[in-house]
Amino acid sequence: MGRPKVDGLVLTHGAGGDRDQHTLVAIAEKLAPLPVERINFPYRNQGRRPPDRAPKLLAFLHEEIPAIAARLGTESGRLVLGGRSMGGRMCSMAVAEGMSAAGLVLLSYPLHPPKKPDKLRTGHFPRVDVPCLFISGDRDPFGSPEEFAQHLPAIKGPVTTVWLQGERHDPKKADAGIVAAVAGWLESL
C-alpha cells in the first residue's frame, strides 16, 4: 500500500463561529489518525465577533498554513484546506491566489448573502484548480443547488457536491453524514 496522498486537513470556522463548532470537531474526531487542525482566525482569539476583512484573513492563512505544514512535517500541497462558510471561502480564495493545497473541503459555502443572489462570491472560482468538495443544505439561503450548478463549472479542478436534505446553512443533525462524505472524498484523492 502506497503513501496516502493527503498528510492532513486544516479546517477554519464561519464568521460567527470558532474552531470548536460541532461539525469541525466531529470531522477531527472521526478522521483520526489523519491530522486535522482546527484553527481560529485571529479576531476570534481576540474575543471579537465581526470578522476581519478578507485581505487580513487571507494574510493570516498565507502565514498559518505553511506553519501548520511544517509542524506536521509536510508541505502545504499535501494538505486539504477548508472549513465552514466564510472560512471555507477564505481557503478557496487563498488557493485561487496561488496557495498550494491537495484540495478544498467547503462546508456551507456562502455563494451569495441571503436574499442577495446578485452579490456572488464566485469571482475567484476560475483560478481554483484543485479537487473541491462542497457540502451544503439543500435549503441554505446562501445558495441553492440550482445556483451552485450554475457556478461550479467555473472551477478548473474536479468538483464533488453533497446535498443535505432539508438542511439550512448550519446543519443541526447532519454531522455523521458530513463526516462520512468528507472521509469518502479524502479516500478518493
Protein backbone atom coordinates (compact mmCIF):
# COMPACT_ATOMS: atom_id res chain seq x y z
CA MET A 1 0.00 0.00 0.00
CA GLY A 2 1.41 3.39 -1.02
CA ARG A 3 1.68 6.59 0.93
CA PRO A 4 -1.65 8.44 1.33
CA LYS A 5 -2.00 11.43 -0.96
CA VAL A 6 -3.01 13.72 1.91
CA ASP A 7 -0.98 14.40 5.06
CA GLY A 8 -3.63 16.42 6.90
CA LEU A 9 -6.74 18.57 6.87
CA VAL A 10 -6.93 22.21 8.05
CA LEU A 11 -10.40 23.48 8.95
CA THR A 12 -11.50 27.06 9.56
CA HIS A 13 -14.70 28.39 11.07
CA GLY A 14 -17.57 30.52 9.83
CA ALA A 15 -17.91 34.26 10.55
CA GLY A 16 -19.80 33.83 13.82
CA GLY A 17 -18.23 30.56 14.95
CA ASP A 18 -14.91 29.27 16.15
CA ARG A 19 -12.71 26.19 15.92
CA ASP A 20 -14.99 24.31 18.34
CA GLN A 21 -18.04 24.36 16.04
CA HIS A 22 -19.71 20.93 16.36
CA THR A 23 -19.19 19.82 12.74
CA LEU A 24 -15.50 20.74 12.73
CA VAL A 25 -14.99 18.82 15.99
CA ALA A 26 -16.87 15.77 14.63
CA ILE A 27 -14.70 15.71 11.50
CA ALA A 28 -11.48 15.94 13.54
CA GLU A 29 -12.57 13.16 15.91
CA LYS A 30 -13.72 10.75 13.22
CA LEU A 31 -10.83 11.20 10.77
CA ALA A 32 -8.13 10.27 13.31
CA PRO A 33 -5.37 9.25 12.86
CA LEU A 34 -5.28 11.74 9.95
CA PRO A 35 -4.09 15.03 11.46
CA VAL A 36 -6.94 17.55 11.45
CA GLU A 37 -6.04 21.08 12.56
CA ARG A 38 -8.99 23.28 13.55
CA ILE A 39 -7.86 26.90 13.62
CA ASN A 40 -9.36 30.17 14.76
CA PHE A 41 -8.91 33.35 12.79
CA PRO A 42 -7.18 35.98 14.99
CA TYR A 43 -10.33 38.06 15.51
CA ARG A 44 -11.93 35.13 17.36
CA ASN A 45 -8.88 34.64 19.58
CA GLN A 46 -9.13 38.35 20.42
CA GLY A 47 -12.76 37.89 21.50
CA ARG A 48 -14.22 39.96 18.68
CA ARG A 49 -17.42 38.93 16.87
CA PRO A 50 -17.37 40.67 13.49
CA PRO A 51 -14.76 39.09 11.22
CA ASP A 52 -11.81 40.96 9.82
CA ARG A 53 -11.94 41.95 6.15
CA ALA A 54 -10.89 39.36 3.56
CA PRO A 55 -7.34 40.72 2.96
CA LYS A 56 -6.47 40.32 6.65
CA LEU A 57 -8.00 36.82 6.83
CA LEU A 58 -6.12 35.78 3.68
CA ALA A 59 -2.82 37.16 5.01
CA PHE A 60 -3.32 35.06 8.14
CA LEU A 61 -3.91 31.90 6.06
CA HIS A 62 -0.83 32.57 3.93
CA GLU A 63 1.22 32.62 7.16
CA GLU A 64 -0.57 29.92 9.13
CA ILE A 65 -0.95 27.13 6.54
CA PRO A 66 2.80 26.79 5.80
CA ALA A 67 3.46 26.87 9.58
CA ILE A 68 0.96 24.04 10.11
CA ALA A 69 2.51 22.05 7.25
CA ALA A 70 5.97 22.48 8.79
CA ARG A 71 4.65 21.32 12.20
CA LEU A 72 3.22 18.22 10.53
CA GLY A 73 6.47 17.57 8.69
CA THR A 74 4.96 18.06 5.25
CA GLU A 75 4.23 20.82 2.74
CA SER A 76 1.07 22.84 2.02
CA GLY A 77 0.47 20.93 -1.21
CA ARG A 78 -0.20 17.74 0.77
CA LEU A 79 -2.84 19.37 2.99
CA VAL A 80 -6.54 19.71 2.25
CA LEU A 81 -7.85 23.12 3.32
CA GLY A 82 -11.35 24.30 4.03
CA GLY A 83 -13.98 24.90 6.61
CA ARG A 84 -17.43 26.29 7.23
CA SER A 85 -18.96 29.15 5.29
CA MET A 86 -16.64 32.18 5.43
CA GLY A 87 -13.66 30.05 6.49
CA GLY A 88 -14.02 27.74 3.52
CA ARG A 89 -14.47 30.72 1.24
CA MET A 90 -11.23 32.27 2.53
CA CYS A 91 -9.38 28.98 1.94
CA SER A 92 -10.72 28.81 -1.62
CA MET A 93 -9.60 32.41 -2.20
CA ALA A 94 -6.12 31.62 -0.81
CA VAL A 95 -5.83 28.70 -3.24
CA ALA A 96 -7.01 30.97 -6.08
CA GLU A 97 -4.20 33.35 -5.06
CA GLY A 98 -1.68 30.55 -5.52
CA MET A 99 -1.52 28.75 -2.16
CA SER A 100 -0.63 25.12 -2.70
CA ALA A 101 -3.20 22.57 -1.44
CA ALA A 102 -4.23 18.98 -2.13
CA GLY A 103 -7.90 20.00 -2.23
CA LEU A 104 -10.68 22.02 -0.63
CA VAL A 105 -13.49 20.91 1.72
CA LEU A 106 -16.16 23.64 1.62
CA LEU A 107 -18.98 23.25 4.14
CA SER A 108 -22.00 25.53 3.64
CA TYR A 109 -20.10 27.66 1.14
CA PRO A 110 -21.68 31.16 1.04
CA LEU A 111 -22.29 31.52 -2.70
CA HIS A 112 -24.02 34.86 -2.00
CA PRO A 113 -25.54 36.65 1.02
CA PRO A 114 -29.11 35.57 1.86
CA LYS A 115 -31.71 37.21 -0.41
CA LYS A 116 -28.93 38.84 -2.49
CA PRO A 117 -28.28 36.36 -5.31
CA ASP A 118 -26.73 39.13 -7.43
CA LYS A 119 -23.84 39.56 -4.91
CA LEU A 120 -21.98 36.43 -5.97
CA ARG A 121 -18.82 35.27 -4.23
CA THR A 122 -17.53 33.33 -7.22
CA GLY A 123 -15.09 35.68 -8.98
CA HIS A 124 -12.11 33.57 -7.90
CA PHE A 125 -13.61 30.21 -8.99
CA PRO A 126 -11.83 30.14 -12.39
CA ARG A 127 -8.47 30.25 -10.56
CA VAL A 128 -9.28 27.25 -8.32
CA ASP A 129 -7.61 24.21 -9.86
CA VAL A 130 -7.66 21.61 -7.06
CA PRO A 131 -10.28 18.96 -6.23
CA CYS A 132 -13.21 20.52 -4.31
CA LEU A 133 -15.87 19.00 -2.08
CA PHE A 134 -18.92 21.20 -1.48
CA ILE A 135 -21.35 20.05 1.25
CA SER A 136 -24.42 22.21 1.83
CA GLY A 137 -28.02 22.00 2.94
CA ASP A 138 -30.45 21.96 0.04
CA ARG A 139 -32.36 24.80 1.78
CA ASP A 140 -29.33 27.01 2.51
CA PRO A 141 -30.27 30.67 1.88
CA PHE A 142 -26.62 31.34 0.90
CA GLY A 143 -27.04 29.27 -2.28
CA SER A 144 -29.44 26.70 -3.73
CA PRO A 145 -28.43 23.50 -5.53
CA GLU A 146 -29.55 25.15 -8.79
CA GLU A 147 -27.37 28.22 -8.17
CA PHE A 148 -24.36 26.05 -7.35
CA ALA A 149 -24.93 24.01 -10.52
CA GLN A 150 -24.77 27.24 -12.48
CA HIS A 151 -21.48 28.50 -10.97
CA LEU A 152 -19.38 25.44 -10.01
CA PRO A 153 -18.38 24.64 -13.63
CA ALA A 154 -16.08 27.71 -13.47
CA ILE A 155 -13.79 25.74 -11.13
CA LYS A 156 -10.97 24.02 -13.04
CA GLY A 157 -10.42 21.19 -10.53
CA PRO A 158 -12.82 18.25 -10.15
CA VAL A 159 -15.88 19.21 -8.08
CA THR A 160 -17.99 16.92 -5.89
CA THR A 161 -21.23 18.16 -4.34
CA VAL A 162 -23.17 16.63 -1.45
CA TRP A 163 -26.63 17.99 -0.64
CA LEU A 164 -28.03 17.57 2.87
CA GLN A 165 -31.79 17.10 2.52
CA GLY A 166 -33.91 19.60 4.41
CA GLU A 167 -30.89 21.36 5.97
CA ARG A 168 -30.14 25.07 6.01
CA HIS A 169 -26.85 27.00 6.49
CA ASP A 170 -25.97 25.41 9.84
CA PRO A 171 -26.96 21.74 9.55
CA LYS A 172 -28.04 20.60 13.00
CA LYS A 173 -28.29 16.81 12.72
CA ALA A 174 -26.08 16.03 9.76
CA ASP A 175 -22.61 15.66 11.31
CA ALA A 176 -22.45 11.88 10.71
CA GLY A 177 -23.34 12.32 7.04
CA ILE A 178 -20.90 15.20 6.63
CA VAL A 179 -18.06 13.22 8.25
CA ALA A 180 -18.79 10.21 6.03
CA ALA A 181 -18.82 12.39 2.91
CA VAL A 182 -15.51 14.06 3.84
CA ALA A 183 -13.87 10.72 4.70
CA GLY A 184 -15.03 9.09 1.46
CA TRP A 185 -13.90 12.06 -0.62
CA LEU A 186 -10.46 12.15 1.02
CA GLU A 187 -10.05 8.44 0.23
CA SER A 188 -10.76 9.18 -3.43
CA LEU A 189 -7.97 11.76 -3.80
